[in-house]
Amino acid sequence: MNNGERAGERAIAVEVEKDKSYYWCSCGKSAKQPFCDGSHKGTDFTPLAYKAEETKKMFFCACKQTNNQPFCDGSHNKK
């Protein structure tokens, strides 16, 4: 599968809550970045589920080029 559209050029910091599930937008079309709002419908993309193991700040990928989905791995810095 191809990577989604770039939705930003920096990671998005989110304070996640232990045991809560989050659905990362993989297509890049969501208006609620970094999370899914259903904009992928009609495409081959689906959101990626992530369940927080602890309450802490996590850095979700916005460029959609990461090799560590749903988290930023610095791919936005690679040209």
C-alpha atoms as a PDB file:
ATOM      1  CA  MET A   1       0.000   0.000   0.000  1.00  0.00           C
ATOM      2  CA  ASN A   2       1.184   3.524  -0.730  1.00  0.00           C
ATOM      3  CA  ASN A   3       1.694   6.109   1.972  1.00  0.00           C
ATOM      4  CA  GLY A   4      -1.084   8.616   2.510  1.00  0.00           C
ATOM      5  CA  GLU A   5      -1.093  12.287   1.574  1.00  0.00           C
ATOM      6  CA  ARG A   6       1.065  14.565   3.693  1.00  0.00           C
ATOM      7  CA  ALA A   7      -1.135  16.217   6.303  1.00  0.00           C
ATOM      8  CA  GLY A   8       1.708  18.126   7.934  1.00  0.00           C
ATOM      9  CA  GLU A   9       5.453  18.409   8.188  1.00  0.00           C
ATOM     10  CA  ARG A  10       5.877  17.859  11.931  1.00  0.00           C
ATOM     11  CA  ALA A  11       4.819  15.313  14.494  1.00  0.00           C
ATOM     12  CA  ILE A  12       1.621  16.024  16.403  1.00  0.00           C
ATOM     13  CA  ALA A  13       1.990  15.727  20.180  1.00  0.00           C
ATOM     14  CA  VAL A  14      -0.978  14.113  21.921  1.00  0.00           C
ATOM     15  CA  GLU A  15      -1.411  13.335  25.605  1.00  0.00           C
ATOM     16  CA  VAL A  16      -2.802   9.808  25.372  1.00  0.00           C
ATOM     17  CA  GLU A  17      -4.718   8.172  28.209  1.00  0.00           C
ATOM     18  CA  LYS A  18      -3.949   4.676  29.476  1.00  0.00           C
ATOM     19  CA  ASP A  19      -6.223   1.966  28.017  1.00  0.00           C
ATOM     20  CA  LYS A  20      -7.893   4.382  25.574  1.00  0.00           C
ATOM     21  CA  SER A  21      -7.920   3.481  21.869  1.00  0.00           C
ATOM     22  CA  TYR A  22      -6.928   5.976  19.198  1.00  0.00           C
ATOM     23  CA  TYR A  23      -7.405   5.633  15.441  1.00  0.00           C
ATOM     24  CA  TRP A  24      -4.564   7.190  13.464  1.00  0.00           C
ATOM     25  CA  CYS A  25      -5.401   8.577  10.023  1.00  0.00           C
ATOM     26  CA  SER A  26      -3.314   6.724   7.431  1.00  0.00           C
ATOM     27  CA  CYS A  27      -4.737   8.441   4.336  1.00  0.00           C
ATOM     28  CA  GLY A  28      -3.856  12.022   5.246  1.00  0.00           C
ATOM     29  CA  LYS A  29      -7.311  13.364   4.361  1.00  0.00           C
ATOM     30  CA  SER A  30      -8.779  13.678   7.863  1.00  0.00           C
ATOM     31  CA  ALA A  31      -9.665  17.158   9.113  1.00  0.00           C
ATOM     32  CA  LYS A  32      -9.006  15.886  12.665  1.00  0.00           C
ATOM     33  CA  GLN A  33      -5.290  15.061  12.294  1.00  0.00           C
ATOM     34  CA  PRO A  34      -3.622  12.934  13.440  1.00  0.00           C
ATOM     35  CA  PHE A  35      -6.797  10.923  13.937  1.00  0.00           C
ATOM     36  CA  CYS A  36      -9.338   9.465  11.542  1.00  0.00           C
ATOM     37  CA  ASP A  37     -12.606  11.233  10.721  1.00  0.00           C
ATOM     38  CA  GLY A  38     -13.762   8.758   8.057  1.00  0.00           C
ATOM     39  CA  SER A  39     -12.353  10.695   5.090  1.00  0.00           C
ATOM     40  CA  HIS A  40     -10.665   7.514   3.819  1.00  0.00           C
ATOM     41  CA  LYS A  41     -14.000   6.025   2.727  1.00  0.00           C
ATOM     42  CA  GLY A  42     -13.817   4.917  -0.889  1.00  0.00           C
ATOM     43  CA  THR A  43     -10.024   4.476  -0.753  1.00  0.00           C
ATOM     44  CA  ASP A  44      -7.762   1.534   0.073  1.00  0.00           C
ATOM     45  CA  PHE A  45      -6.756   3.211   3.357  1.00  0.00           C
ATOM     46  CA  THR A  46      -8.006   2.282   6.819  1.00  0.00           C
ATOM     47  CA  PRO A  47      -7.220   3.868  10.180  1.00  0.00           C
ATOM     48  CA  LEU A  48      -4.615   2.243  12.393  1.00  0.00           C
ATOM     49  CA  ALA A  49      -5.779   1.415  15.914  1.00  0.00           C
ATOM     50  CA  TYR A  50      -3.462   2.218  18.814  1.00  0.00           C
ATOM     51  CA  LYS A  51      -4.284   1.425  22.452  1.00  0.00           C
ATOM     52  CA  ALA A  52      -2.303   3.475  24.957  1.00  0.00           C
ATOM     53  CA  GLU A  53      -0.388   1.397  27.499  1.00  0.00           C
ATOM     54  CA  GLU A  54       0.132   4.386  29.771  1.00  0.00           C
ATOM     55  CA  THR A  55      -0.870   8.029  30.074  1.00  0.00           C
ATOM     56  CA  LYS A  56       1.850  10.132  28.456  1.00  0.00           C
ATOM     57  CA  LYS A  57       2.685  12.417  25.558  1.00  0.00           C
ATOM     58  CA  MET A  58       3.107  10.574  22.244  1.00  0.00           C
ATOM     59  CA  PHE A  59       4.184  12.025  18.906  1.00  0.00           C
ATOM     60  CA  PHE A  60       1.938  10.913  16.055  1.00  0.00           C
ATOM     61  CA  CYS A  61       3.069  11.146  12.431  1.00  0.00           C
ATOM     62  CA  ALA A  62       1.432  13.834  10.291  1.00  0.00           C
ATOM     63  CA  CYS A  63       3.473  13.398   7.100  1.00  0.00           C
ATOM     64  CA  LYS A  64       2.198   9.792   6.694  1.00  0.00           C
ATOM     65  CA  GLN A  65       5.652   8.697   5.466  1.00  0.00           C
ATOM     66  CA  THR A  66       6.766   7.067   8.734  1.00  0.00           C
ATOM     67  CA  ASN A  67       8.040   3.509   8.938  1.00  0.00           C
ATOM     68  CA  ASN A  68       6.862   3.400  12.573  1.00  0.00           C
ATOM     69  CA  GLN A  69       3.106   3.903  12.176  1.00  0.00           C
ATOM     70  CA  PRO A  70       1.364   5.638  13.871  1.00  0.00           C
ATOM     71  CA  PHE A  71       4.350   7.439  15.383  1.00  0.00           C
ATOM     72  CA  CYS A  72       6.780   9.927  13.930  1.00  0.00           C
ATOM     73  CA  ASP A  73      10.189   8.524  12.953  1.00  0.00           C
ATOM     74  CA  GLY A  74      11.568  11.722  11.412  1.00  0.00           C
ATOM     75  CA  SER A  75      10.649  10.788   7.839  1.00  0.00           C
ATOM     76  CA  HIS A  76       9.337  14.333   7.310  1.00  0.00           C
ATOM     77  CA  ASN A  77      12.984  15.473   7.464  1.00  0.00           C
ATOM     78  CA  LYS A  78      14.056  13.212   4.594  1.00  0.00           C
ATOM     79  CA  LYS A  79      13.916  14.729   1.152  1.00  0.00           C
END
